[in-house]
Each structure stands twice: as structure tokens, then as C-alpha cells.
């Protein structure tokens, strides 16, 4: 999977292609970020926070390059691909 170009979420750079990538991954992981439109709105940030609640003590609504949220989203994507192959 390709990496992020920059951060996504609350106070992130929110480049359209990165936001779309995160939105797709959140949806794959079972979290609804709203439309996959590349705009980081309140619904996308809320979905990031809900996803982060599973592994962060203080969800911040931000996906950093190579940070823990990005790593978990990548793992969720790999698991989804593995399940599809079964």
C-alpha cells in the first residue's frame, strides 16, 4: 500500500489524495468517514477518532505519516485483503 504524502485529520495538511486514501481505509475498517470525496470534514475526523479509540488513550483525530494510526489502518487493510482471499 502506498504511504501518505502528509498528515490527515484535525489540523493536518489534508491533501485530497491522502484524505481519500484514509477515508477508504476507514471504511474498510468499519468506520464511516462520510463521502469518499477527499475533504476532511467533521465526519472524517470523527471516524478517525473512533478508530483511534481502539488503541490510543487520547484519540486526536490525526493520521500522521508512519504514525500509529496509519500503521493500524494499513494492518486493517491487509486483514481485509486476507479475508477476501479466503
PDB file of N, CA and C in Angstrom:
ATOM      1  N   UNK A   1       0.853  -1.170   0.000  1.00  0.00           N
ATOM      2  CA  UNK A   1       0.000   0.000   0.000  1.00  0.00           C
ATOM      3  C   UNK A   1       0.897   1.231   0.000  1.00  0.00           C
ATOM      4  N   UNK A   2       0.479   2.224  -0.749  1.00  0.00           N
ATOM      5  CA  UNK A   2       1.275   3.444  -0.798  1.00  0.00           C
ATOM      6  C   UNK A   2       1.140   4.239   0.502  1.00  0.00           C
ATOM      7  N   UNK A   3       2.157   4.975   0.812  1.00  0.00           N
ATOM      8  CA  UNK A   3       2.180   5.755   2.050  1.00  0.00           C
ATOM      9  C   UNK A   3       1.474   7.089   1.848  1.00  0.00           C
ATOM     10  N   UNK A   4       1.236   7.750   2.944  1.00  0.00           N
ATOM     11  CA  UNK A   4       0.672   9.086   2.888  1.00  0.00           C
ATOM     12  C   UNK A   4       1.736  10.082   2.461  1.00  0.00           C
ATOM     13  N   UNK A   5       1.301  11.143   1.810  1.00  0.00           N
ATOM     14  CA  UNK A   5       2.190  12.239   1.444  1.00  0.00           C
ATOM     15  C   UNK A   5       2.355  13.180   2.624  1.00  0.00           C
ATOM     16  N   UNK A   6       1.259  13.362   3.387  1.00  0.00           N
ATOM     17  CA  UNK A   6       1.271  14.264   4.532  1.00  0.00           C
ATOM     18  C   UNK A   6       0.148  13.860   5.485  1.00  0.00           C
ATOM     19  N   UNK A   7       0.030  14.559   6.589  1.00  0.00           N
ATOM     20  CA  UNK A   7      -0.935  14.206   7.629  1.00  0.00           C
ATOM     21  C   UNK A   7      -2.385  14.452   7.187  1.00  0.00           C
ATOM     22  N   UNK A   8      -3.284  13.674   7.805  1.00  0.00           N
ATOM     23  CA  UNK A   8      -4.713  13.771   7.508  1.00  0.00           C
ATOM     24  C   UNK A   8      -5.468  13.859   8.826  1.00  0.00           C
ATOM     25  N   UNK A   9      -6.443  14.745   8.881  1.00  0.00           N
ATOM     26  CA  UNK A   9      -7.290  14.850  10.059  1.00  0.00           C
ATOM     27  C   UNK A   9      -7.243  16.234  10.665  1.00  0.00           C
ATOM     28  N   UNK A  10      -7.539  16.289  11.959  1.00  0.00           N
ATOM     29  CA  UNK A  10      -7.600  17.573  12.655  1.00  0.00           C
ATOM     30  C   UNK A  10      -6.242  18.268  12.595  1.00  0.00           C
ATOM     31  N   UNK A  11      -6.230  19.458  12.031  1.00  0.00           N
ATOM     32  CA  UNK A  11      -5.027  20.278  11.861  1.00  0.00           C
ATOM     33  C   UNK A  11      -3.976  19.641  10.953  1.00  0.00           C
ATOM     34  N   UNK A  12      -4.372  18.676  10.137  1.00  0.00           N
ATOM     35  CA  UNK A  12      -3.449  18.043   9.206  1.00  0.00           C
ATOM     36  C   UNK A  12      -3.338  18.825   7.913  1.00  0.00           C
ATOM     37  N   UNK A  13      -2.436  18.407   7.055  1.00  0.00           N
ATOM     38  CA  UNK A  13      -2.273  19.048   5.748  1.00  0.00           C
ATOM     39  C   UNK A  13      -3.493  18.770   4.863  1.00  0.00           C
ATOM     40  N   UNK A  14      -4.057  17.572   5.006  1.00  0.00           N
ATOM     41  CA  UNK A  14      -5.294  17.170   4.332  1.00  0.00           C
ATOM     42  C   UNK A  14      -5.262  17.331   2.817  1.00  0.00           C
ATOM     43  N   UNK A  15      -4.208  16.794   2.219  1.00  0.00           N
ATOM     44  CA  UNK A  15      -4.135  16.761   0.766  1.00  0.00           C
ATOM     45  C   UNK A  15      -5.198  15.797   0.252  1.00  0.00           C
ATOM     46  N   UNK A  16      -5.876  16.187  -0.803  1.00  0.00           N
ATOM     47  CA  UNK A  16      -7.045  15.441  -1.284  1.00  0.00           C
ATOM     48  C   UNK A  16      -6.779  13.942  -1.466  1.00  0.00           C
ATOM     49  N   UNK A  17      -5.675  13.588  -2.118  1.00  0.00           N
ATOM     50  CA  UNK A  17      -5.401  12.174  -2.370  1.00  0.00           C
ATOM     51  C   UNK A  17      -5.160  11.417  -1.058  1.00  0.00           C
ATOM     52  N   UNK A  18      -4.535  12.058  -0.085  1.00  0.00           N
ATOM     53  CA  UNK A  18      -4.299  11.422   1.209  1.00  0.00           C
ATOM     54  C   UNK A  18      -5.609  11.250   1.979  1.00  0.00           C
ATOM     55  N   UNK A  19      -6.450  12.273   1.948  1.00  0.00           N
ATOM     56  CA  UNK A  19      -7.741  12.182   2.643  1.00  0.00           C
ATOM     57  C   UNK A  19      -8.579  11.063   2.034  1.00  0.00           C
ATOM     58  N   UNK A  20      -8.602  10.967   0.710  1.00  0.00           N
ATOM     59  CA  UNK A  20      -9.367   9.896   0.059  1.00  0.00           C
ATOM     60  C   UNK A  20      -8.838   8.527   0.464  1.00  0.00           C
ATOM     61  N   UNK A  21      -7.531   8.388   0.540  1.00  0.00           N
ATOM     62  CA  UNK A  21      -6.922   7.118   0.936  1.00  0.00           C
ATOM     63  C   UNK A  21      -7.340   6.753   2.365  1.00  0.00           C
ATOM     64  N   UNK A  22      -7.268   7.711   3.274  1.00  0.00           N
ATOM     65  CA  UNK A  22      -7.663   7.464   4.662  1.00  0.00           C
ATOM     66  C   UNK A  22      -9.164   7.167   4.750  1.00  0.00           C
ATOM     67  N   UNK A  23      -9.973   7.893   3.999  1.00  0.00           N
ATOM     68  CA  UNK A  23     -11.416   7.631   4.007  1.00  0.00           C
ATOM     69  C   UNK A  23     -11.718   6.204   3.551  1.00  0.00           C
ATOM     70  N   UNK A  24     -11.063   5.748   2.498  1.00  0.00           N
ATOM     71  CA  UNK A  24     -11.264   4.368   2.019  1.00  0.00           C
ATOM     72  C   UNK A  24     -10.844   3.357   3.079  1.00  0.00           C
ATOM     73  N   UNK A  25      -9.700   3.600   3.705  1.00  0.00           N
ATOM     74  CA  UNK A  25      -9.200   2.670   4.716  1.00  0.00           C
ATOM     75  C   UNK A  25     -10.092   2.640   5.954  1.00  0.00           C
ATOM     76  N   UNK A  26     -10.587   3.792   6.356  1.00  0.00           N
ATOM     77  CA  UNK A  26     -11.515   3.823   7.492  1.00  0.00           C
ATOM     78  C   UNK A  26     -12.765   3.015   7.183  1.00  0.00           C
ATOM     79  N   UNK A  27     -13.298   3.195   5.996  1.00  0.00           N
ATOM     80  CA  UNK A  27     -14.498   2.453   5.599  1.00  0.00           C
ATOM     81  C   UNK A  27     -14.211   0.943   5.602  1.00  0.00           C
ATOM     82  N   UNK A  28     -13.068   0.551   5.076  1.00  0.00           N
ATOM     83  CA  UNK A  28     -12.679  -0.863   5.073  1.00  0.00           C
ATOM     84  C   UNK A  28     -12.592  -1.410   6.490  1.00  0.00           C
ATOM     85  N   UNK A  29     -12.147  -0.571   7.421  1.00  0.00           N
ATOM     86  CA  UNK A  29     -12.007  -0.981   8.823  1.00  0.00           C
ATOM     87  C   UNK A  29     -13.327  -0.928   9.585  1.00  0.00           C
ATOM     88  N   UNK A  30     -14.407  -0.480   8.912  1.00  0.00           N
ATOM     89  CA  UNK A  30     -15.720  -0.475   9.548  1.00  0.00           C
ATOM     90  C   UNK A  30     -16.121   0.839  10.187  1.00  0.00           C
ATOM     91  N   UNK A  31     -15.462   1.925   9.806  1.00  0.00           N
ATOM     92  CA  UNK A  31     -15.756   3.243  10.351  1.00  0.00           C
ATOM     93  C   UNK A  31     -16.206   4.156   9.218  1.00  0.00           C
ATOM     94  N   UNK A  32     -17.320   4.857   9.407  1.00  0.00           N
ATOM     95  CA  UNK A  32     -17.913   5.658   8.344  1.00  0.00           C
ATOM     96  C   UNK A  32     -17.366   7.085   8.340  1.00  0.00           C
ATOM     97  N   UNK A  33     -16.517   7.415   7.365  1.00  0.00           N
ATOM     98  CA  UNK A  33     -15.974   8.766   7.280  1.00  0.00           C
ATOM     99  C   UNK A  33     -16.827   9.702   6.420  1.00  0.00           C
ATOM    100  N   UNK A  34     -17.992   9.244   5.993  1.00  0.00           N
ATOM    101  CA  UNK A  34     -18.815  10.033   5.073  1.00  0.00           C
ATOM    102  C   UNK A  34     -18.404   9.733   3.645  1.00  0.00           C
ATOM    103  N   UNK A  35     -18.619  10.697   2.779  1.00  0.00           N
ATOM    104  CA  UNK A  35     -18.292  10.503   1.372  1.00  0.00           C
ATOM    105  C   UNK A  35     -16.793  10.386   1.163  1.00  0.00           C
ATOM    106  N   UNK A  36     -16.414   9.559   0.197  1.00  0.00           N
ATOM    107  CA  UNK A  36     -15.005   9.420  -0.169  1.00  0.00           C
ATOM    108  C   UNK A  36     -14.682  10.505  -1.189  1.00  0.00           C
ATOM    109  N   UNK A  37     -14.646  11.753  -0.700  1.00  0.00           N
ATOM    110  CA  UNK A  37     -14.526  12.895  -1.587  1.00  0.00           C
ATOM    111  C   UNK A  37     -13.216  13.661  -1.439  1.00  0.00           C
ATOM    112  N   UNK A  38     -12.379  13.250  -0.516  1.00  0.00           N
ATOM    113  CA  UNK A  38     -11.104  13.930  -0.335  1.00  0.00           C
ATOM    114  C   UNK A  38     -11.155  15.167   0.529  1.00  0.00           C
ATOM    115  N   UNK A  39     -12.320  15.451   1.114  1.00  0.00           N
ATOM    116  CA  UNK A  39     -12.454  16.584   2.020  1.00  0.00           C
ATOM    117  C   UNK A  39     -12.471  16.085   3.453  1.00  0.00           C
ATOM    118  N   UNK A  40     -11.587  16.599   4.264  1.00  0.00           N
ATOM    119  CA  UNK A  40     -11.502  16.174   5.658  1.00  0.00           C
ATOM    120  C   UNK A  40     -12.459  17.020   6.492  1.00  0.00           C
ATOM    121  N   UNK A  41     -13.695  16.532   6.606  1.00  0.00           N
ATOM    122  CA  UNK A  41     -14.720  17.250   7.344  1.00  0.00           C
ATOM    123  C   UNK A  41     -14.887  16.645   8.738  1.00  0.00           C
ATOM    124  N   UNK A  42     -15.871  17.145   9.468  1.00  0.00           N
ATOM    125  CA  UNK A  42     -16.101  16.674  10.838  1.00  0.00           C
ATOM    126  C   UNK A  42     -16.376  15.176  10.896  1.00  0.00           C
ATOM    127  N   UNK A  43     -17.078  14.645   9.896  1.00  0.00           N
ATOM    128  CA  UNK A  43     -17.398  13.214   9.898  1.00  0.00           C
ATOM    129  C   UNK A  43     -16.138  12.371   9.708  1.00  0.00           C
ATOM    130  N   UNK A  44     -15.240  12.823   8.867  1.00  0.00           N
ATOM    131  CA  UNK A  44     -13.979  12.105   8.669  1.00  0.00           C
ATOM    132  C   UNK A  44     -13.146  12.134   9.952  1.00  0.00           C
ATOM    133  N   UNK A  45     -13.052  13.289  10.582  1.00  0.00           N
ATOM    134  CA  UNK A  45     -12.286  13.404  11.830  1.00  0.00           C
ATOM    135  C   UNK A  45     -12.917  12.549  12.923  1.00  0.00           C
ATOM    136  N   UNK A  46     -14.239  12.522  12.992  1.00  0.00           N
ATOM    137  CA  UNK A  46     -14.928  11.691  13.986  1.00  0.00           C
ATOM    138  C   UNK A  46     -14.637  10.214  13.745  1.00  0.00           C
ATOM    139  N   UNK A  47     -14.604   9.797  12.486  1.00  0.00           N
ATOM    140  CA  UNK A  47     -14.294   8.396  12.170  1.00  0.00           C
ATOM    141  C   UNK A  47     -12.857   8.060  12.556  1.00  0.00           C
ATOM    142  N   UNK A  48     -11.929   8.984  12.335  1.00  0.00           N
ATOM    143  CA  UNK A  48     -10.538   8.761  12.738  1.00  0.00           C
ATOM    144  C   UNK A  48     -10.476   8.579  14.254  1.00  0.00           C
ATOM    145  N   UNK A  49     -11.161   9.442  14.988  1.00  0.00           N
ATOM    146  CA  UNK A  49     -11.151   9.350  16.460  1.00  0.00           C
ATOM    147  C   UNK A  49     -11.762   8.038  16.937  1.00  0.00           C
ATOM    148  N   UNK A  50     -12.871   7.636  16.342  1.00  0.00           N
ATOM    149  CA  UNK A  50     -13.500   6.364  16.734  1.00  0.00           C
ATOM    150  C   UNK A  50     -12.550   5.199  16.477  1.00  0.00           C
ATOM    151  N   UNK A  51     -11.873   5.229  15.338  1.00  0.00           N
ATOM    152  CA  UNK A  51     -10.890   4.195  15.023  1.00  0.00           C
ATOM    153  C   UNK A  51      -9.765   4.209  16.049  1.00  0.00           C
ATOM    154  N   UNK A  52      -9.282   5.390  16.410  1.00  0.00           N
ATOM    155  CA  UNK A  52      -8.169   5.520  17.349  1.00  0.00           C
ATOM    156  C   UNK A  52      -8.526   5.061  18.760  1.00  0.00           C
ATOM    157  N   UNK A  53      -9.798   5.097  19.122  1.00  0.00           N
ATOM    158  CA  UNK A  53     -10.207   4.691  20.473  1.00  0.00           C
ATOM    159  C   UNK A  53      -9.816   3.254  20.777  1.00  0.00           C
ATOM    160  N   UNK A  54      -9.609   2.451  19.758  1.00  0.00           N
ATOM    161  CA  UNK A  54      -9.231   1.066  19.956  1.00  0.00           C
ATOM    162  C   UNK A  54      -7.789   0.867  20.387  1.00  0.00           C
ATOM    163  N   UNK A  55      -6.946   1.894  20.265  1.00  0.00           N
ATOM    164  CA  UNK A  55      -5.531   1.694  20.584  1.00  0.00           C
ATOM    165  C   UNK A  55      -4.824   2.927  21.159  1.00  0.00           C
ATOM    166  N   UNK A  56      -5.474   4.083  21.182  1.00  0.00           N
ATOM    167  CA  UNK A  56      -4.857   5.278  21.769  1.00  0.00           C
ATOM    168  C   UNK A  56      -5.611   5.702  23.030  1.00  0.00           C
ATOM    169  N   UNK A  57      -4.873   6.108  24.043  1.00  0.00           N
ATOM    170  CA  UNK A  57      -5.510   6.610  25.263  1.00  0.00           C
ATOM    171  C   UNK A  57      -6.228   7.931  25.012  1.00  0.00           C
ATOM    172  N   UNK A  58      -5.659   8.756  24.143  1.00  0.00           N
ATOM    173  CA  UNK A  58      -6.245  10.053  23.838  1.00  0.00           C
ATOM    174  C   UNK A  58      -6.333  10.240  22.320  1.00  0.00           C
ATOM    175  N   UNK A  59      -7.427   9.755  21.699  1.00  0.00           N
ATOM    176  CA  UNK A  59      -7.586   9.927  20.253  1.00  0.00           C
ATOM    177  C   UNK A  59      -7.538  11.416  19.876  1.00  0.00           C
ATOM    178  N   UNK A  60      -6.742  11.730  18.858  1.00  0.00           N
ATOM    179  CA  UNK A  60      -6.572  13.130  18.485  1.00  0.00           C
ATOM    180  C   UNK A  60      -7.167  13.471  17.120  1.00  0.00           C
ATOM    181  N   UNK A  61      -7.666  12.468  16.405  1.00  0.00           N
ATOM    182  CA  UNK A  61      -8.279  12.737  15.108  1.00  0.00           C
ATOM    183  C   UNK A  61      -7.281  13.057  14.017  1.00  0.00           C
ATOM    184  N   UNK A  62      -6.028  12.642  14.191  1.00  0.00           N
ATOM    185  CA  UNK A  62      -4.977  12.949  13.225  1.00  0.00           C
ATOM    186  C   UNK A  62      -4.244  11.678  12.820  1.00  0.00           C
ATOM    187  N   UNK A  63      -4.061  11.517  11.515  1.00  0.00           N
ATOM    188  CA  UNK A  63      -3.286  10.397  10.971  1.00  0.00           C
ATOM    189  C   UNK A  63      -1.974  10.977  10.451  1.00  0.00           C
ATOM    190  N   UNK A  64      -0.877  10.639  11.121  1.00  0.00           N
ATOM    191  CA  UNK A  64       0.450  11.117  10.709  1.00  0.00           C
ATOM    192  C   UNK A  64       1.146  10.068   9.850  1.00  0.00           C
ATOM    193  N   UNK A  65       2.044  10.557   9.003  1.00  0.00           N
ATOM    194  CA  UNK A  65       2.833   9.656   8.168  1.00  0.00           C
ATOM    195  C   UNK A  65       3.581   8.681   9.072  1.00  0.00           C
ATOM    196  N   UNK A  66       3.413   7.399   8.827  1.00  0.00           N
ATOM    197  CA  UNK A  66       4.079   6.335   9.576  1.00  0.00           C
ATOM    198  C   UNK A  66       3.758   6.342  11.072  1.00  0.00           C
ATOM    199  N   UNK A  67       2.750   7.084  11.497  1.00  0.00           N
ATOM    200  CA  UNK A  67       2.342   7.099  12.899  1.00  0.00           C
ATOM    201  C   UNK A  67       1.501   5.885  13.243  1.00  0.00           C
ATOM    202  N   UNK A  68       1.110   5.726  14.501  1.00  0.00           N
ATOM    203  CA  UNK A  68       0.367   4.538  14.923  1.00  0.00           C
ATOM    204  C   UNK A  68      -0.983   4.392  14.237  1.00  0.00           C
ATOM    205  N   UNK A  69      -1.664   5.484  13.955  1.00  0.00           N
ATOM    206  CA  UNK A  69      -2.965   5.377  13.295  1.00  0.00           C
ATOM    207  C   UNK A  69      -2.791   4.892  11.861  1.00  0.00           C
ATOM    208  N   UNK A  70      -1.810   5.432  11.174  1.00  0.00           N
ATOM    209  CA  UNK A  70      -1.546   4.974   9.806  1.00  0.00           C
ATOM    210  C   UNK A  70      -1.168   3.492   9.803  1.00  0.00           C
ATOM    211  N   UNK A  71      -0.323   3.096  10.734  1.00  0.00           N
ATOM    212  CA  UNK A  71       0.087   1.692  10.806  1.00  0.00           C
ATOM    213  C   UNK A  71      -1.117   0.781  11.036  1.00  0.00           C
ATOM    214  N   UNK A  72      -2.013   1.164  11.917  1.00  0.00           N
ATOM    215  CA  UNK A  72      -3.214   0.357  12.208  1.00  0.00           C
ATOM    216  C   UNK A  72      -4.151   0.314  11.008  1.00  0.00           C
ATOM    217  N   UNK A  73      -4.293   1.430  10.307  1.00  0.00           N
ATOM    218  CA  UNK A  73      -5.133   1.430   9.109  1.00  0.00           C
ATOM    219  C   UNK A  73      -4.548   0.494   8.054  1.00  0.00           C
ATOM    220  N   UNK A  74      -3.232   0.511   7.904  1.00  0.00           N
ATOM    221  CA  UNK A  74      -2.573  -0.378   6.948  1.00  0.00           C
ATOM    222  C   UNK A  74      -2.786  -1.842   7.338  1.00  0.00           C
ATOM    223  N   UNK A  75      -2.695  -2.142   8.622  1.00  0.00           N
ATOM    224  CA  UNK A  75      -2.933  -3.511   9.100  1.00  0.00           C
ATOM    225  C   UNK A  75      -4.372  -3.933   8.834  1.00  0.00           C
ATOM    226  N   UNK A  76      -5.316  -3.038   9.057  1.00  0.00           N
ATOM    227  CA  UNK A  76      -6.731  -3.346   8.812  1.00  0.00           C
ATOM    228  C   UNK A  76      -6.957  -3.642   7.335  1.00  0.00           C
ATOM    229  N   UNK A  77      -6.277  -2.908   6.466  1.00  0.00           N
ATOM    230  CA  UNK A  77      -6.401  -3.145   5.029  1.00  0.00           C
ATOM    231  C   UNK A  77      -5.848  -4.519   4.666  1.00  0.00           C
ATOM    232  N   UNK A  78      -4.701  -4.882   5.217  1.00  0.00           N
ATOM    233  CA  UNK A  78      -4.118  -6.193   4.936  1.00  0.00           C
ATOM    234  C   UNK A  78      -5.025  -7.321   5.424  1.00  0.00           C
ATOM    235  N   UNK A  79      -5.632  -7.145   6.584  1.00  0.00           N
ATOM    236  CA  UNK A  79      -6.554  -8.149   7.109  1.00  0.00           C
ATOM    237  C   UNK A  79      -7.763  -8.297   6.202  1.00  0.00           C
ATOM    238  N   UNK A  80      -8.284  -7.183   5.697  1.00  0.00           N
ATOM    239  CA  UNK A  80      -9.445  -7.233   4.803  1.00  0.00           C
ATOM    240  C   UNK A  80      -9.098  -7.965   3.513  1.00  0.00           C
ATOM    241  N   UNK A  81      -7.918  -7.728   2.985  1.00  0.00           N
ATOM    242  CA  UNK A  81      -7.482  -8.414   1.768  1.00  0.00           C
ATOM    243  C   UNK A  81      -7.338  -9.905   2.026  1.00  0.00           C
ATOM    244  N   UNK A  82      -6.751 -10.280   3.172  1.00  0.00           N
ATOM    245  CA  UNK A  82      -6.600 -11.689   3.527  1.00  0.00           C
ATOM    246  C   UNK A  82      -7.955 -12.380   3.648  1.00  0.00           C
ATOM    247  N   UNK A  83      -8.920 -11.691   4.252  1.00  0.00           N
ATOM    248  CA  UNK A  83     -10.250 -12.281   4.421  1.00  0.00           C
ATOM    249  C   UNK A  83     -10.954 -12.455   3.097  1.00  0.00           C
ATOM    250  N   UNK A  84     -10.759 -11.536   2.168  1.00  0.00           N
ATOM    251  CA  UNK A  84     -11.363 -11.649   0.841  1.00  0.00           C
ATOM    252  C   UNK A  84     -10.806 -12.840   0.078  1.00  0.00           C
ATOM    253  N   UNK A  85      -9.568 -13.153   0.308  1.00  0.00           N
ATOM    254  CA  UNK A  85      -8.922 -14.265  -0.399  1.00  0.00           C
ATOM    255  C   UNK A  85      -9.371 -15.631   0.104  1.00  0.00           C
ATOM    256  N   UNK A  86      -9.911 -15.658   1.312  1.00  0.00           N
ATOM    257  CA  UNK A  86     -10.331 -16.944   1.898  1.00  0.00           C
ATOM    258  C   UNK A  86     -11.634 -17.413   1.356  1.00  0.00           C
TER     259      UNK A  86
END
